[in-house]
Amino acid sequence: MKTFLKKEDILKIAELEASLFKERAWTLELIESELENPQNVVIAVEDDFSEIIGYIIAKVILDEAEVLRFGVKKERQGQGIGRGLLRVTLGMLKRKSVKKVFLEVSADNIKAQRLYESFDFKKVGERRGYYSPDKPAFIMCKTLEEGSHVKGRD
């Protein structure tokens, strides 16, 4: 996993973002703007050929964080890459004294919801029409407790 990203890494993240999220993808400029804040957490995973196969971007504000972007290359999903990214990110956020982590997930993305629930994220709200007029998002939250280790249940 990489936390120090070079320009070519950011370009690769933007390419993966576009392939995963199509018209809802963030632009290269938007991704770069989140990297400018040293408090934010941005992690990428490479394969043996230096191709970015997964990434996560979390914004930190005081003692809270929000997972803004999280993606794993489609053909690499289900191999534990996302679980590893989330585990490392939550550990880094905890070391930054973050107490609560929020994210939004599509109501029809059951696979992602199960992943988040395995890390003790709880549904705390809903955003109607978030992804499209008929596609809501669930707001999920995890409390990072003092003295506990960050583990996702398998």
C-alpha atoms as a PDB file:
ATOM      1  CA  MET A   1       0.000   0.000   0.000  1.00  0.00           C
ATOM      2  CA  LYS A   2       1.209   3.467  -0.836  1.00  0.00           C
ATOM      3  CA  THR A   3       0.545   6.608   1.145  1.00  0.00           C
ATOM      4  CA  PHE A   4       3.158   8.757  -0.603  1.00  0.00           C
ATOM      5  CA  LEU A   5       1.762   9.255  -4.077  1.00  0.00           C
ATOM      6  CA  LYS A   6       3.591  10.562  -7.109  1.00  0.00           C
ATOM      7  CA  LYS A   7       1.951  12.411  -9.992  1.00  0.00           C
ATOM      8  CA  GLU A   8       1.708   9.206 -12.053  1.00  0.00           C
ATOM      9  CA  ASP A   9      -0.044   7.465  -9.123  1.00  0.00           C
ATOM     10  CA  ILE A  10      -2.641  10.221  -8.998  1.00  0.00           C
ATOM     11  CA  LEU A  11      -3.198   9.898 -12.746  1.00  0.00           C
ATOM     12  CA  LYS A  12      -3.703   6.150 -12.326  1.00  0.00           C
ATOM     13  CA  ILE A  13      -6.175   6.725  -9.488  1.00  0.00           C
ATOM     14  CA  ALA A  14      -8.119   9.137 -11.713  1.00  0.00           C
ATOM     15  CA  GLU A  15      -8.175   6.545 -14.512  1.00  0.00           C
ATOM     16  CA  LEU A  16      -9.444   3.828 -12.160  1.00  0.00           C
ATOM     17  CA  GLU A  17     -11.993   6.261 -10.714  1.00  0.00           C
ATOM     18  CA  ALA A  18     -13.308   6.981 -14.231  1.00  0.00           C
ATOM     19  CA  SER A  19     -13.541   3.287 -15.100  1.00  0.00           C
ATOM     20  CA  LEU A  20     -15.439   2.475 -11.892  1.00  0.00           C
ATOM     21  CA  PHE A  21     -17.771   5.451 -11.533  1.00  0.00           C
ATOM     22  CA  LYS A  22     -18.252   6.635 -15.146  1.00  0.00           C
ATOM     23  CA  GLU A  23     -20.266   9.888 -15.160  1.00  0.00           C
ATOM     24  CA  ARG A  24     -20.096  10.154 -11.348  1.00  0.00           C
ATOM     25  CA  ALA A  25     -16.290   9.956 -11.320  1.00  0.00           C
ATOM     26  CA  TRP A  26     -14.194  12.656  -9.736  1.00  0.00           C
ATOM     27  CA  THR A  27     -11.895  14.637 -11.985  1.00  0.00           C
ATOM     28  CA  LEU A  28      -8.135  14.564 -11.662  1.00  0.00           C
ATOM     29  CA  GLU A  29      -8.273  18.128 -10.287  1.00  0.00           C
ATOM     30  CA  LEU A  30     -10.747  17.162  -7.567  1.00  0.00           C
ATOM     31  CA  ILE A  31      -8.629  14.178  -6.524  1.00  0.00           C
ATOM     32  CA  GLU A  32      -5.513  16.387  -6.440  1.00  0.00           C
ATOM     33  CA  SER A  33      -7.305  18.979  -4.309  1.00  0.00           C
ATOM     34  CA  GLU A  34      -8.013  16.371  -1.616  1.00  0.00           C
ATOM     35  CA  LEU A  35      -4.332  15.396  -1.628  1.00  0.00           C
ATOM     36  CA  GLU A  36      -3.336  18.968  -0.772  1.00  0.00           C
ATOM     37  CA  ASN A  37      -4.653  18.663   2.786  1.00  0.00           C
ATOM     38  CA  PRO A  38      -2.027  16.784   4.828  1.00  0.00           C
ATOM     39  CA  GLN A  39      -4.687  15.702   7.337  1.00  0.00           C
ATOM     40  CA  ASN A  40      -6.570  13.723   4.692  1.00  0.00           C
ATOM     41  CA  VAL A  41      -5.778  10.062   4.141  1.00  0.00           C
ATOM     42  CA  VAL A  42      -5.168   8.827   0.605  1.00  0.00           C
ATOM     43  CA  ILE A  43      -3.956   5.278   0.062  1.00  0.00           C
ATOM     44  CA  ALA A  44      -3.425   3.311  -3.134  1.00  0.00           C
ATOM     45  CA  VAL A  45      -2.695  -0.362  -3.746  1.00  0.00           C
ATOM     46  CA  GLU A  46      -0.549  -1.501  -6.661  1.00  0.00           C
ATOM     47  CA  ASP A  47      -0.233  -4.899  -8.265  1.00  0.00           C
ATOM     48  CA  ASP A  48       3.093  -6.490  -9.229  1.00  0.00           C
ATOM     49  CA  PHE A  49       3.149  -4.413 -12.423  1.00  0.00           C
ATOM     50  CA  SER A  50       2.785  -1.033 -10.620  1.00  0.00           C
ATOM     51  CA  GLU A  51      -0.824  -0.708 -11.739  1.00  0.00           C
ATOM     52  CA  ILE A  52      -3.162   0.935  -9.205  1.00  0.00           C
ATOM     53  CA  ILE A  53      -5.830  -1.653  -8.374  1.00  0.00           C
ATOM     54  CA  GLY A  54      -7.466   0.063  -5.407  1.00  0.00           C
ATOM     55  CA  TYR A  55      -7.594   3.375  -3.565  1.00  0.00           C
ATOM     56  CA  ILE A  56      -9.340   5.214  -0.784  1.00  0.00           C
ATOM     57  CA  ILE A  57      -9.662   8.940  -0.021  1.00  0.00           C
ATOM     58  CA  ALA A  58     -10.810  10.087   3.421  1.00  0.00           C
ATOM     59  CA  LYS A  59     -11.267  13.713   4.456  1.00  0.00           C
ATOM     60  CA  VAL A  60     -10.439  14.623   8.051  1.00  0.00           C
ATOM     61  CA  ILE A  61     -12.143  17.537   9.800  1.00  0.00           C
ATOM     62  CA  LEU A  62     -11.226  17.926  13.468  1.00  0.00           C
ATOM     63  CA  ASP A  63     -12.071  14.578  15.125  1.00  0.00           C
ATOM     64  CA  GLU A  64     -14.298  13.242  12.332  1.00  0.00           C
ATOM     65  CA  ALA A  65     -13.586  11.806   8.915  1.00  0.00           C
ATOM     66  CA  GLU A  66     -15.579  10.976   5.820  1.00  0.00           C
ATOM     67  CA  VAL A  67     -14.623   8.321   3.295  1.00  0.00           C
ATOM     68  CA  LEU A  68     -15.091  10.281   0.085  1.00  0.00           C
ATOM     69  CA  ARG A  69     -13.926   7.786  -2.540  1.00  0.00           C
ATOM     70  CA  PHE A  70     -13.199   4.082  -2.337  1.00  0.00           C
ATOM     71  CA  GLY A  71     -12.680   1.776  -5.273  1.00  0.00           C
ATOM     72  CA  VAL A  72     -11.117  -1.498  -6.325  1.00  0.00           C
ATOM     73  CA  LYS A  73     -10.601  -2.543  -9.924  1.00  0.00           C
ATOM     74  CA  LYS A  74     -13.602  -4.682 -10.920  1.00  0.00           C
ATOM     75  CA  GLU A  75     -11.607  -7.791 -11.811  1.00  0.00           C
ATOM     76  CA  ARG A  76      -9.777  -7.608  -8.451  1.00  0.00           C
ATOM     77  CA  GLN A  77     -12.879  -7.218  -6.267  1.00  0.00           C
ATOM     78  CA  GLY A  78     -13.554  -9.999  -3.790  1.00  0.00           C
ATOM     79  CA  GLN A  79      -9.842 -10.624  -3.150  1.00  0.00           C
ATOM     80  CA  GLY A  80      -9.599  -8.731   0.146  1.00  0.00           C
ATOM     81  CA  ILE A  81      -8.069  -5.585  -1.359  1.00  0.00           C
ATOM     82  CA  GLY A  82     -10.933  -3.337  -0.239  1.00  0.00           C
ATOM     83  CA  ARG A  83     -10.958  -4.919   3.214  1.00  0.00           C
ATOM     84  CA  GLY A  84      -7.221  -4.254   3.559  1.00  0.00           C
ATOM     85  CA  LEU A  85      -7.562  -0.675   2.344  1.00  0.00           C
ATOM     86  CA  LEU A  86     -10.379   0.009   4.790  1.00  0.00           C
ATOM     87  CA  ARG A  87      -8.507  -1.604   7.709  1.00  0.00           C
ATOM     88  CA  VAL A  88      -5.332   0.435   7.074  1.00  0.00           C
ATOM     89  CA  THR A  89      -7.328   3.653   6.560  1.00  0.00           C
ATOM     90  CA  LEU A  90      -9.274   3.243   9.795  1.00  0.00           C
ATOM     91  CA  GLY A  91      -6.013   2.606  11.647  1.00  0.00           C
ATOM     92  CA  MET A  92      -4.468   5.764  10.192  1.00  0.00           C
ATOM     93  CA  LEU A  93      -7.567   7.788  11.056  1.00  0.00           C
ATOM     94  CA  LYS A  94      -7.485   6.509  14.618  1.00  0.00           C
ATOM     95  CA  ARG A  95      -3.837   7.597  14.930  1.00  0.00           C
ATOM     96  CA  LYS A  96      -4.963  11.055  13.774  1.00  0.00           C
ATOM     97  CA  SER A  97      -7.373  11.109  16.774  1.00  0.00           C
ATOM     98  CA  VAL A  98     -10.472  10.681  14.604  1.00  0.00           C
ATOM     99  CA  LYS A  99     -13.399   9.512  16.707  1.00  0.00           C
ATOM    100  CA  LYS A 100     -16.116   8.995  14.062  1.00  0.00           C
ATOM    101  CA  VAL A 101     -15.920   7.958  10.422  1.00  0.00           C
ATOM    102  CA  PHE A 102     -18.808   8.526   8.008  1.00  0.00           C
ATOM    103  CA  LEU A 103     -19.504   7.361   4.468  1.00  0.00           C
ATOM    104  CA  GLU A 104     -22.347   7.089   1.988  1.00  0.00           C
ATOM    105  CA  VAL A 105     -23.161   3.867   0.180  1.00  0.00           C
ATOM    106  CA  SER A 106     -25.764   3.163  -2.459  1.00  0.00           C
ATOM    107  CA  ALA A 107     -28.838   1.458  -1.012  1.00  0.00           C
ATOM    108  CA  ASP A 108     -28.536  -1.228  -3.704  1.00  0.00           C
ATOM    109  CA  ASN A 109     -24.826  -1.944  -3.097  1.00  0.00           C
ATOM    110  CA  ILE A 110     -25.314  -4.832  -0.687  1.00  0.00           C
ATOM    111  CA  LYS A 111     -21.736  -6.112  -1.101  1.00  0.00           C
ATOM    112  CA  ALA A 112     -20.274  -2.778   0.075  1.00  0.00           C
ATOM    113  CA  GLN A 113     -22.784  -2.507   2.907  1.00  0.00           C
ATOM    114  CA  ARG A 114     -21.728  -5.953   4.164  1.00  0.00           C
ATOM    115  CA  LEU A 115     -18.079  -4.916   4.046  1.00  0.00           C
ATOM    116  CA  TYR A 116     -18.776  -1.767   6.074  1.00  0.00           C
ATOM    117  CA  GLU A 117     -20.970  -3.643   8.550  1.00  0.00           C
ATOM    118  CA  SER A 118     -18.132  -6.146   9.075  1.00  0.00           C
ATOM    119  CA  PHE A 119     -16.115  -3.156  10.356  1.00  0.00           C
ATOM    120  CA  ASP A 120     -19.006  -2.158  12.668  1.00  0.00           C
ATOM    121  CA  PHE A 121     -20.293   0.720  10.547  1.00  0.00           C
ATOM    122  CA  LYS A 122     -23.947   1.383  11.391  1.00  0.00           C
ATOM    123  CA  LYS A 123     -26.645   2.927   9.194  1.00  0.00           C
ATOM    124  CA  VAL A 124     -27.461   6.318  10.701  1.00  0.00           C
ATOM    125  CA  GLY A 125     -29.433   7.991   7.922  1.00  0.00           C
ATOM    126  CA  GLU A 126     -30.495   8.058   4.306  1.00  0.00           C
ATOM    127  CA  ARG A 127     -30.033  10.561   1.499  1.00  0.00           C
ATOM    128  CA  ARG A 128     -32.962  10.274  -0.894  1.00  0.00           C
ATOM    129  CA  GLY A 129     -32.102  10.694  -4.555  1.00  0.00           C
ATOM    130  CA  TYR A 130     -28.373  10.820  -3.804  1.00  0.00           C
ATOM    131  CA  TYR A 131     -27.201   8.707  -6.737  1.00  0.00           C
ATOM    132  CA  SER A 132     -30.223   9.354  -8.960  1.00  0.00           C
ATOM    133  CA  PRO A 133     -33.852  10.376  -8.376  1.00  0.00           C
ATOM    134  CA  ASP A 134     -34.793   6.797  -7.475  1.00  0.00           C
ATOM    135  CA  LYS A 135     -31.498   5.660  -5.917  1.00  0.00           C
ATOM    136  CA  PRO A 136     -30.893   6.679  -2.298  1.00  0.00           C
ATOM    137  CA  ALA A 137     -27.706   6.354  -0.294  1.00  0.00           C
ATOM    138  CA  PHE A 138     -27.354   5.145   3.253  1.00  0.00           C
ATOM    139  CA  ILE A 139     -25.202   7.211   5.595  1.00  0.00           C
ATOM    140  CA  MET A 140     -23.071   4.917   7.709  1.00  0.00           C
ATOM    141  CA  CYS A 141     -20.937   5.734  10.741  1.00  0.00           C
ATOM    142  CA  LYS A 142     -18.253   3.955  12.741  1.00  0.00           C
ATOM    143  CA  THR A 143     -16.987   5.076  16.128  1.00  0.00           C
ATOM    144  CA  LEU A 144     -13.268   4.558  16.620  1.00  0.00           C
ATOM    145  CA  GLU A 145     -12.909   3.626  20.253  1.00  0.00           C
ATOM    146  CA  GLU A 146      -9.911   4.363  22.452  1.00  0.00           C
ATOM    147  CA  GLY A 147      -7.634   1.398  22.976  1.00  0.00           C
ATOM    148  CA  SER A 148      -9.353  -0.870  20.459  1.00  0.00           C
ATOM    149  CA  HIS A 149      -7.790  -2.401  17.389  1.00  0.00           C
ATOM    150  CA  VAL A 150      -9.395  -1.879  13.988  1.00  0.00           C
ATOM    151  CA  LYS A 151     -10.501  -5.229  12.637  1.00  0.00           C
ATOM    152  CA  GLY A 152     -13.073  -6.168  10.089  1.00  0.00           C
ATOM    153  CA  ARG A 153     -14.967  -9.398  10.707  1.00  0.00           C
ATOM    154  CA  ASP A 154     -14.734 -11.935   7.907  1.00  0.00           C
END
